[in-house]
Amino acid sequence: MAAASLRPARMDDAAELARLCAQLGYPQAAAEFEARLRRVLASPDHPVLVATHDDRALLGFVALERRLLLESGEVVEIAALAVDAQARRRGIARALLAAAEDWARRIGIAELVVRSNVARAESHPFYQGVGFRRAKTQHVYRKPA
């Protein structure tokens, strides 16, 4: 397979992005996913980059979020990183993260943050291997508004 190329996500990627999210355990209702994607793509602070080998079937994606934290300043958070199960261990995630780092530097932000569920044990050594260090362990609570 030829090397993956990276490009910004487009609305016509919605079905493929939803497929990749489902592989992570987040099945998507098409209409709701498309509505969220439309909002995300409209925001310059929330870029989504995709990896593809033929500009149709997506191999992976990274969704980024520029965040201003009162207590610690600006960071770029990796909101989602997914690589198709059949395309893993080919450097695609590394390429997507390198593009994320490039974007952070271009907008003047010196730190990337990623949250990785404890259930995704295979991802923890990967993140450490590309230079992330574990900063803390936390519980996430949710409550309907």
N, C-alpha and C. Protein backbone atom coordinates (compact mmCIF):
# COMPACT_ATOMS: atom_id res chain seq x y z
N MET A 1 0.84 -1.18 0.00
CA MET A 1 0.00 0.00 0.00
C MET A 1 0.88 1.24 0.00
N ALA A 2 0.52 2.23 -0.79
CA ALA A 2 1.26 3.48 -0.84
C ALA A 2 1.12 4.21 0.49
N ALA A 3 2.04 5.14 0.72
CA ALA A 3 1.99 5.92 1.96
C ALA A 3 0.70 6.71 2.03
N ALA A 4 0.23 6.88 3.24
CA ALA A 4 -0.99 7.65 3.45
C ALA A 4 -0.70 9.13 3.23
N SER A 5 -1.69 9.83 2.70
CA SER A 5 -1.58 11.28 2.61
C SER A 5 -2.58 11.87 3.60
N LEU A 6 -2.24 13.04 4.11
CA LEU A 6 -3.08 13.73 5.09
C LEU A 6 -3.73 14.93 4.45
N ARG A 7 -4.96 15.20 4.87
CA ARG A 7 -5.68 16.38 4.40
C ARG A 7 -6.74 16.74 5.43
N PRO A 8 -7.26 17.97 5.36
CA PRO A 8 -8.36 18.33 6.26
C PRO A 8 -9.61 17.50 5.93
N ALA A 9 -10.36 17.17 6.96
CA ALA A 9 -11.61 16.44 6.76
C ALA A 9 -12.61 17.32 6.02
N ARG A 10 -13.53 16.66 5.33
CA ARG A 10 -14.61 17.33 4.60
C ARG A 10 -15.93 16.68 5.00
N MET A 11 -17.02 17.34 4.68
CA MET A 11 -18.33 16.78 5.00
C MET A 11 -18.54 15.44 4.31
N ASP A 12 -17.99 15.25 3.13
CA ASP A 12 -18.21 13.96 2.46
C ASP A 12 -17.40 12.82 3.09
N ASP A 13 -16.64 13.12 4.14
CA ASP A 13 -15.95 12.09 4.92
C ASP A 13 -16.80 11.57 6.06
N ALA A 14 -17.99 12.11 6.25
CA ALA A 14 -18.79 11.81 7.45
C ALA A 14 -18.99 10.32 7.66
N ALA A 15 -19.37 9.59 6.64
CA ALA A 15 -19.64 8.16 6.81
C ALA A 15 -18.38 7.40 7.23
N GLU A 16 -17.25 7.74 6.62
CA GLU A 16 -15.99 7.07 6.96
C GLU A 16 -15.53 7.44 8.37
N LEU A 17 -15.69 8.71 8.75
CA LEU A 17 -15.33 9.12 10.11
C LEU A 17 -16.21 8.41 11.13
N ALA A 18 -17.49 8.30 10.84
CA ALA A 18 -18.41 7.59 11.74
C ALA A 18 -18.01 6.11 11.85
N ARG A 19 -17.58 5.52 10.74
CA ARG A 19 -17.13 4.12 10.76
C ARG A 19 -15.93 3.95 11.69
N LEU A 20 -14.98 4.88 11.61
CA LEU A 20 -13.80 4.80 12.47
C LEU A 20 -14.17 5.02 13.93
N CYS A 21 -15.10 5.94 14.20
CA CYS A 21 -15.56 6.15 15.58
C CYS A 21 -16.22 4.88 16.12
N ALA A 22 -16.97 4.21 15.28
CA ALA A 22 -17.63 2.97 15.70
C ALA A 22 -16.60 1.90 16.07
N GLN A 23 -15.46 1.88 15.37
CA GLN A 23 -14.41 0.92 15.71
C GLN A 23 -13.85 1.17 17.10
N LEU A 24 -13.95 2.41 17.57
CA LEU A 24 -13.49 2.75 18.92
C LEU A 24 -14.57 2.50 19.98
N GLY A 25 -15.74 2.06 19.54
CA GLY A 25 -16.81 1.81 20.49
C GLY A 25 -17.80 2.94 20.61
N TYR A 26 -17.80 3.84 19.64
CA TYR A 26 -18.73 4.97 19.64
C TYR A 26 -19.59 4.91 18.38
N PRO A 27 -20.59 4.02 18.35
CA PRO A 27 -21.46 3.97 17.17
C PRO A 27 -22.20 5.29 17.00
N GLN A 28 -22.42 5.66 15.77
CA GLN A 28 -22.96 6.99 15.46
C GLN A 28 -24.25 6.91 14.68
N ALA A 29 -25.22 7.72 15.06
CA ALA A 29 -26.39 7.93 14.21
C ALA A 29 -25.96 8.93 13.14
N ALA A 30 -26.18 8.60 11.89
CA ALA A 30 -25.64 9.38 10.77
C ALA A 30 -26.02 10.86 10.85
N ALA A 31 -27.28 11.17 11.05
CA ALA A 31 -27.72 12.57 11.03
C ALA A 31 -27.09 13.36 12.17
N GLU A 32 -27.03 12.77 13.35
CA GLU A 32 -26.42 13.47 14.49
C GLU A 32 -24.93 13.66 14.27
N PHE A 33 -24.27 12.64 13.74
CA PHE A 33 -22.83 12.75 13.49
C PHE A 33 -22.55 13.84 12.45
N GLU A 34 -23.32 13.85 11.38
CA GLU A 34 -23.13 14.87 10.35
C GLU A 34 -23.35 16.27 10.90
N ALA A 35 -24.32 16.45 11.76
CA ALA A 35 -24.57 17.76 12.37
C ALA A 35 -23.39 18.19 13.23
N ARG A 36 -22.84 17.27 14.02
CA ARG A 36 -21.67 17.59 14.84
C ARG A 36 -20.46 17.89 13.96
N LEU A 37 -20.26 17.07 12.93
CA LEU A 37 -19.11 17.29 12.04
C LEU A 37 -19.21 18.65 11.37
N ARG A 38 -20.38 19.03 10.94
CA ARG A 38 -20.56 20.34 10.31
C ARG A 38 -20.14 21.46 11.26
N ARG A 39 -20.53 21.37 12.52
CA ARG A 39 -20.16 22.39 13.50
C ARG A 39 -18.66 22.39 13.75
N VAL A 40 -18.07 21.21 13.88
CA VAL A 40 -16.64 21.11 14.14
C VAL A 40 -15.85 21.68 12.97
N LEU A 41 -16.21 21.30 11.75
CA LEU A 41 -15.47 21.78 10.58
C LEU A 41 -15.59 23.28 10.38
N ALA A 42 -16.64 23.88 10.91
CA ALA A 42 -16.82 25.32 10.79
C ALA A 42 -15.94 26.10 11.77
N SER A 43 -15.35 25.42 12.72
CA SER A 43 -14.55 26.09 13.75
C SER A 43 -13.06 25.98 13.46
N PRO A 44 -12.38 27.11 13.33
CA PRO A 44 -10.93 27.05 13.10
C PRO A 44 -10.16 26.50 14.29
N ASP A 45 -10.79 26.45 15.46
CA ASP A 45 -10.13 25.92 16.66
C ASP A 45 -10.34 24.43 16.85
N HIS A 46 -10.98 23.77 15.87
CA HIS A 46 -11.26 22.33 15.97
C HIS A 46 -10.94 21.61 14.66
N PRO A 47 -9.70 21.65 14.21
CA PRO A 47 -9.39 20.98 12.94
C PRO A 47 -9.48 19.46 13.06
N VAL A 48 -9.86 18.84 11.97
CA VAL A 48 -9.89 17.39 11.86
C VAL A 48 -9.07 17.04 10.62
N LEU A 49 -8.06 16.21 10.81
CA LEU A 49 -7.22 15.76 9.70
C LEU A 49 -7.46 14.29 9.46
N VAL A 50 -7.48 13.90 8.20
CA VAL A 50 -7.69 12.50 7.85
C VAL A 50 -6.49 11.97 7.10
N ALA A 51 -6.28 10.67 7.25
CA ALA A 51 -5.25 9.95 6.49
C ALA A 51 -5.98 9.07 5.49
N THR A 52 -5.53 9.13 4.25
CA THR A 52 -6.18 8.35 3.19
C THR A 52 -5.12 7.86 2.22
N HIS A 53 -5.44 6.81 1.51
CA HIS A 53 -4.51 6.35 0.47
C HIS A 53 -5.11 6.53 -0.92
N ASP A 54 -6.40 6.81 -1.01
CA ASP A 54 -7.01 7.01 -2.32
C ASP A 54 -8.03 8.14 -2.32
N ASP A 55 -8.02 8.94 -1.26
CA ASP A 55 -8.93 10.08 -1.08
C ASP A 55 -10.39 9.64 -0.92
N ARG A 56 -10.63 8.36 -0.68
CA ARG A 56 -12.00 7.90 -0.41
C ARG A 56 -12.04 7.15 0.91
N ALA A 57 -11.45 5.97 0.96
CA ALA A 57 -11.45 5.18 2.19
C ALA A 57 -10.46 5.80 3.17
N LEU A 58 -10.94 6.17 4.34
CA LEU A 58 -10.07 6.77 5.33
C LEU A 58 -9.33 5.70 6.11
N LEU A 59 -8.05 5.94 6.34
CA LEU A 59 -7.24 5.05 7.14
C LEU A 59 -7.24 5.47 8.60
N GLY A 60 -7.48 6.75 8.85
CA GLY A 60 -7.49 7.25 10.21
C GLY A 60 -7.79 8.73 10.24
N PHE A 61 -7.94 9.25 11.45
CA PHE A 61 -8.17 10.69 11.62
C PHE A 61 -7.71 11.13 12.99
N VAL A 62 -7.44 12.42 13.10
CA VAL A 62 -7.20 13.06 14.39
C VAL A 62 -8.08 14.30 14.44
N ALA A 63 -8.77 14.46 15.56
CA ALA A 63 -9.58 15.65 15.81
C ALA A 63 -8.90 16.44 16.92
N LEU A 64 -8.68 17.71 16.66
CA LEU A 64 -7.95 18.57 17.59
C LEU A 64 -8.86 19.64 18.15
N GLU A 65 -8.48 20.14 19.31
CA GLU A 65 -9.25 21.19 19.95
C GLU A 65 -8.30 22.18 20.61
N ARG A 66 -8.37 23.42 20.18
CA ARG A 66 -7.60 24.48 20.83
C ARG A 66 -8.37 24.88 22.08
N ARG A 67 -7.71 24.77 23.25
CA ARG A 67 -8.39 25.04 24.51
C ARG A 67 -7.63 26.08 25.31
N LEU A 68 -8.37 26.98 25.91
CA LEU A 68 -7.81 27.96 26.83
C LEU A 68 -8.25 27.57 28.23
N LEU A 69 -7.31 27.14 29.04
CA LEU A 69 -7.60 26.71 30.41
C LEU A 69 -7.22 27.82 31.37
N LEU A 70 -8.13 28.20 32.21
CA LEU A 70 -7.90 29.28 33.16
C LEU A 70 -6.68 29.01 34.02
N GLU A 71 -6.53 27.76 34.45
CA GLU A 71 -5.47 27.44 35.40
C GLU A 71 -4.11 27.22 34.76
N SER A 72 -4.06 26.92 33.45
CA SER A 72 -2.76 26.58 32.88
C SER A 72 -2.50 27.12 31.48
N GLY A 73 -3.40 27.90 30.94
CA GLY A 73 -3.16 28.50 29.63
C GLY A 73 -3.67 27.66 28.47
N GLU A 74 -3.14 27.95 27.29
CA GLU A 74 -3.62 27.29 26.07
C GLU A 74 -2.91 25.97 25.83
N VAL A 75 -3.68 25.01 25.37
CA VAL A 75 -3.16 23.71 24.94
C VAL A 75 -3.92 23.29 23.70
N VAL A 76 -3.35 22.36 22.97
CA VAL A 76 -4.09 21.67 21.92
C VAL A 76 -4.40 20.29 22.47
N GLU A 77 -5.68 19.98 22.54
CA GLU A 77 -6.08 18.66 23.01
C GLU A 77 -6.43 17.78 21.83
N ILE A 78 -5.94 16.56 21.88
CA ILE A 78 -6.32 15.57 20.88
C ILE A 78 -7.65 15.01 21.35
N ALA A 79 -8.71 15.46 20.71
CA ALA A 79 -10.05 15.04 21.11
C ALA A 79 -10.33 13.62 20.67
N ALA A 80 -9.77 13.21 19.54
CA ALA A 80 -9.95 11.85 19.05
C ALA A 80 -8.80 11.50 18.11
N LEU A 81 -8.37 10.27 18.20
CA LEU A 81 -7.36 9.72 17.28
C LEU A 81 -7.78 8.29 17.00
N ALA A 82 -8.01 7.99 15.74
CA ALA A 82 -8.44 6.64 15.37
C ALA A 82 -7.75 6.23 14.08
N VAL A 83 -7.33 4.98 14.05
CA VAL A 83 -6.77 4.38 12.83
C VAL A 83 -7.55 3.10 12.58
N ASP A 84 -7.94 2.89 11.34
CA ASP A 84 -8.68 1.70 10.97
C ASP A 84 -7.95 0.45 11.47
N ALA A 85 -8.72 -0.49 11.99
CA ALA A 85 -8.14 -1.71 12.56
C ALA A 85 -7.24 -2.43 11.56
N GLN A 86 -7.55 -2.36 10.27
CA GLN A 86 -6.75 -3.04 9.24
C GLN A 86 -5.51 -2.24 8.83
N ALA A 87 -5.37 -1.02 9.33
CA ALA A 87 -4.26 -0.16 8.91
C ALA A 87 -3.33 0.21 10.06
N ARG A 88 -3.49 -0.41 11.20
CA ARG A 88 -2.67 -0.06 12.36
C ARG A 88 -1.25 -0.58 12.21
N ARG A 89 -0.36 0.07 12.96
CA ARG A 89 1.07 -0.28 13.00
C ARG A 89 1.77 -0.03 11.66
N ARG A 90 1.30 0.99 10.97
CA ARG A 90 1.93 1.39 9.70
C ARG A 90 2.41 2.85 9.73
N GLY A 91 2.40 3.46 10.92
CA GLY A 91 2.87 4.83 11.06
C GLY A 91 1.81 5.89 10.83
N ILE A 92 0.57 5.48 10.66
CA ILE A 92 -0.49 6.45 10.37
C ILE A 92 -0.78 7.32 11.59
N ALA A 93 -0.89 6.72 12.76
CA ALA A 93 -1.14 7.51 13.97
C ALA A 93 0.02 8.47 14.23
N ARG A 94 1.23 8.00 14.01
CA ARG A 94 2.39 8.88 14.20
C ARG A 94 2.34 10.07 13.23
N ALA A 95 1.97 9.81 11.99
CA ALA A 95 1.87 10.90 11.01
C ALA A 95 0.78 11.89 11.41
N LEU A 96 -0.35 11.38 11.88
CA LEU A 96 -1.43 12.27 12.31
C LEU A 96 -1.00 13.10 13.52
N LEU A 97 -0.29 12.49 14.46
CA LEU A 97 0.19 13.25 15.63
C LEU A 97 1.25 14.27 15.23
N ALA A 98 2.10 13.93 14.29
CA ALA A 98 3.10 14.91 13.81
C ALA A 98 2.39 16.11 13.20
N ALA A 99 1.33 15.87 12.45
CA ALA A 99 0.55 16.98 11.88
C ALA A 99 -0.11 17.79 12.98
N ALA A 100 -0.57 17.13 14.03
CA ALA A 100 -1.16 17.85 15.17
C ALA A 100 -0.12 18.74 15.83
N GLU A 101 1.08 18.22 16.02
CA GLU A 101 2.16 19.02 16.60
C GLU A 101 2.49 20.21 15.71
N ASP A 102 2.55 20.00 14.41
CA ASP A 102 2.81 21.10 13.48
C ASP A 102 1.75 22.18 13.62
N TRP A 103 0.48 21.79 13.69
CA TRP A 103 -0.60 22.77 13.81
C TRP A 103 -0.45 23.55 15.12
N ALA A 104 -0.17 22.85 16.21
CA ALA A 104 0.00 23.53 17.50
C ALA A 104 1.12 24.56 17.42
N ARG A 105 2.24 24.19 16.83
CA ARG A 105 3.35 25.14 16.71
C ARG A 105 2.97 26.34 15.84
N ARG A 106 2.27 26.07 14.74
CA ARG A 106 1.87 27.18 13.84
C ARG A 106 0.98 28.19 14.54
N ILE A 107 0.16 27.74 15.48
CA ILE A 107 -0.74 28.68 16.16
C ILE A 107 -0.15 29.14 17.50
N GLY A 108 1.10 28.80 17.75
CA GLY A 108 1.81 29.31 18.91
C GLY A 108 1.52 28.61 20.22
N ILE A 109 1.11 27.36 20.17
CA ILE A 109 0.82 26.60 21.38
C ILE A 109 1.89 25.54 21.56
N ALA A 110 2.45 25.48 22.77
CA ALA A 110 3.62 24.65 23.02
C ALA A 110 3.31 23.28 23.61
N GLU A 111 2.03 22.99 23.90
CA GLU A 111 1.74 21.71 24.56
C GLU A 111 0.53 21.03 23.96
N LEU A 112 0.67 19.73 23.76
CA LEU A 112 -0.45 18.87 23.36
C LEU A 112 -0.86 18.04 24.55
N VAL A 113 -2.16 17.77 24.63
CA VAL A 113 -2.73 16.95 25.70
C VAL A 113 -3.57 15.87 25.04
N VAL A 114 -3.49 14.67 25.57
CA VAL A 114 -4.37 13.59 25.11
C VAL A 114 -4.87 12.86 26.35
N ARG A 115 -6.14 12.50 26.33
CA ARG A 115 -6.73 11.69 27.40
C ARG A 115 -6.97 10.30 26.81
N SER A 116 -6.52 9.30 27.52
CA SER A 116 -6.65 7.94 27.02
C SER A 116 -7.33 7.09 28.09
N ASN A 117 -8.45 6.52 27.75
CA ASN A 117 -9.22 5.69 28.67
C ASN A 117 -8.35 4.55 29.19
N VAL A 118 -8.47 4.24 30.46
CA VAL A 118 -7.68 3.15 31.03
C VAL A 118 -7.97 1.83 30.32
N ALA A 119 -9.15 1.70 29.73
CA ALA A 119 -9.51 0.48 29.01
C ALA A 119 -8.74 0.33 27.70
N ARG A 120 -8.14 1.40 27.21
CA ARG A 120 -7.37 1.35 25.96
C ARG A 120 -5.88 1.14 26.27
N ALA A 121 -5.60 0.08 26.97
CA ALA A 121 -4.23 -0.18 27.45
C ALA A 121 -3.21 -0.20 26.32
N GLU A 122 -3.61 -0.64 25.13
CA GLU A 122 -2.66 -0.71 24.01
C GLU A 122 -2.22 0.67 23.55
N SER A 123 -3.00 1.70 23.83
CA SER A 123 -2.64 3.04 23.38
C SER A 123 -1.64 3.72 24.31
N HIS A 124 -1.57 3.31 25.57
CA HIS A 124 -0.71 4.00 26.53
C HIS A 124 0.77 3.91 26.17
N PRO A 125 1.30 2.73 25.85
CA PRO A 125 2.71 2.69 25.43
C PRO A 125 2.96 3.46 24.13
N PHE A 126 1.96 3.48 23.25
CA PHE A 126 2.11 4.24 22.01
C PHE A 126 2.33 5.72 22.33
N TYR A 127 1.43 6.30 23.15
CA TYR A 127 1.56 7.72 23.47
C TYR A 127 2.88 8.01 24.17
N GLN A 128 3.29 7.15 25.08
CA GLN A 128 4.57 7.36 25.74
C GLN A 128 5.72 7.25 24.74
N GLY A 129 5.59 6.37 23.78
CA GLY A 129 6.63 6.18 22.78
C GLY A 129 6.80 7.35 21.83
N VAL A 130 5.76 8.17 21.69
CA VAL A 130 5.87 9.35 20.83
C VAL A 130 6.08 10.63 21.64
N GLY A 131 6.42 10.46 22.93
CA GLY A 131 6.85 11.62 23.71
C GLY A 131 5.87 12.16 24.73
N PHE A 132 4.67 11.62 24.81
CA PHE A 132 3.75 12.06 25.85
C PHE A 132 4.17 11.44 27.18
N ARG A 133 3.91 12.14 28.26
CA ARG A 133 4.14 11.58 29.59
C ARG A 133 2.83 11.63 30.35
N ARG A 134 2.61 10.64 31.19
CA ARG A 134 1.38 10.63 31.97
C ARG A 134 1.43 11.75 32.98
N ALA A 135 0.42 12.62 32.95
CA ALA A 135 0.38 13.77 33.85
C ALA A 135 -0.49 13.50 35.07
N LYS A 136 -1.56 12.73 34.91
CA LYS A 136 -2.43 12.44 36.05
C LYS A 136 -3.41 11.35 35.67
N THR A 137 -4.04 10.80 36.68
CA THR A 137 -5.14 9.86 36.51
C THR A 137 -6.35 10.55 37.10
N GLN A 138 -7.48 10.42 36.44
CA GLN A 138 -8.67 11.13 36.92
C GLN A 138 -9.92 10.31 36.69
N HIS A 139 -10.97 10.70 37.37
CA HIS A 139 -12.30 10.14 37.14
C HIS A 139 -13.08 11.18 36.34
N VAL A 140 -13.94 10.73 35.47
CA VAL A 140 -14.79 11.63 34.70
C VAL A 140 -16.22 11.38 35.14
N TYR A 141 -16.89 12.43 35.54
CA TYR A 141 -18.28 12.35 35.98
C TYR A 141 -19.15 13.08 34.98
N ARG A 142 -20.34 12.59 34.76
CA ARG A 142 -21.30 13.25 33.87
C ARG A 142 -22.63 13.38 34.58
N LYS A 143 -23.34 14.44 34.21
CA LYS A 143 -24.66 14.68 34.76
C LYS A 143 -25.47 15.42 33.70
N PRO A 144 -26.70 15.00 33.47
CA PRO A 144 -27.53 15.74 32.51
C PRO A 144 -27.71 17.19 32.95
N ALA A 145 -27.72 18.09 32.00
CA ALA A 145 -27.91 19.52 32.31
C ALA A 145 -29.39 19.83 32.42
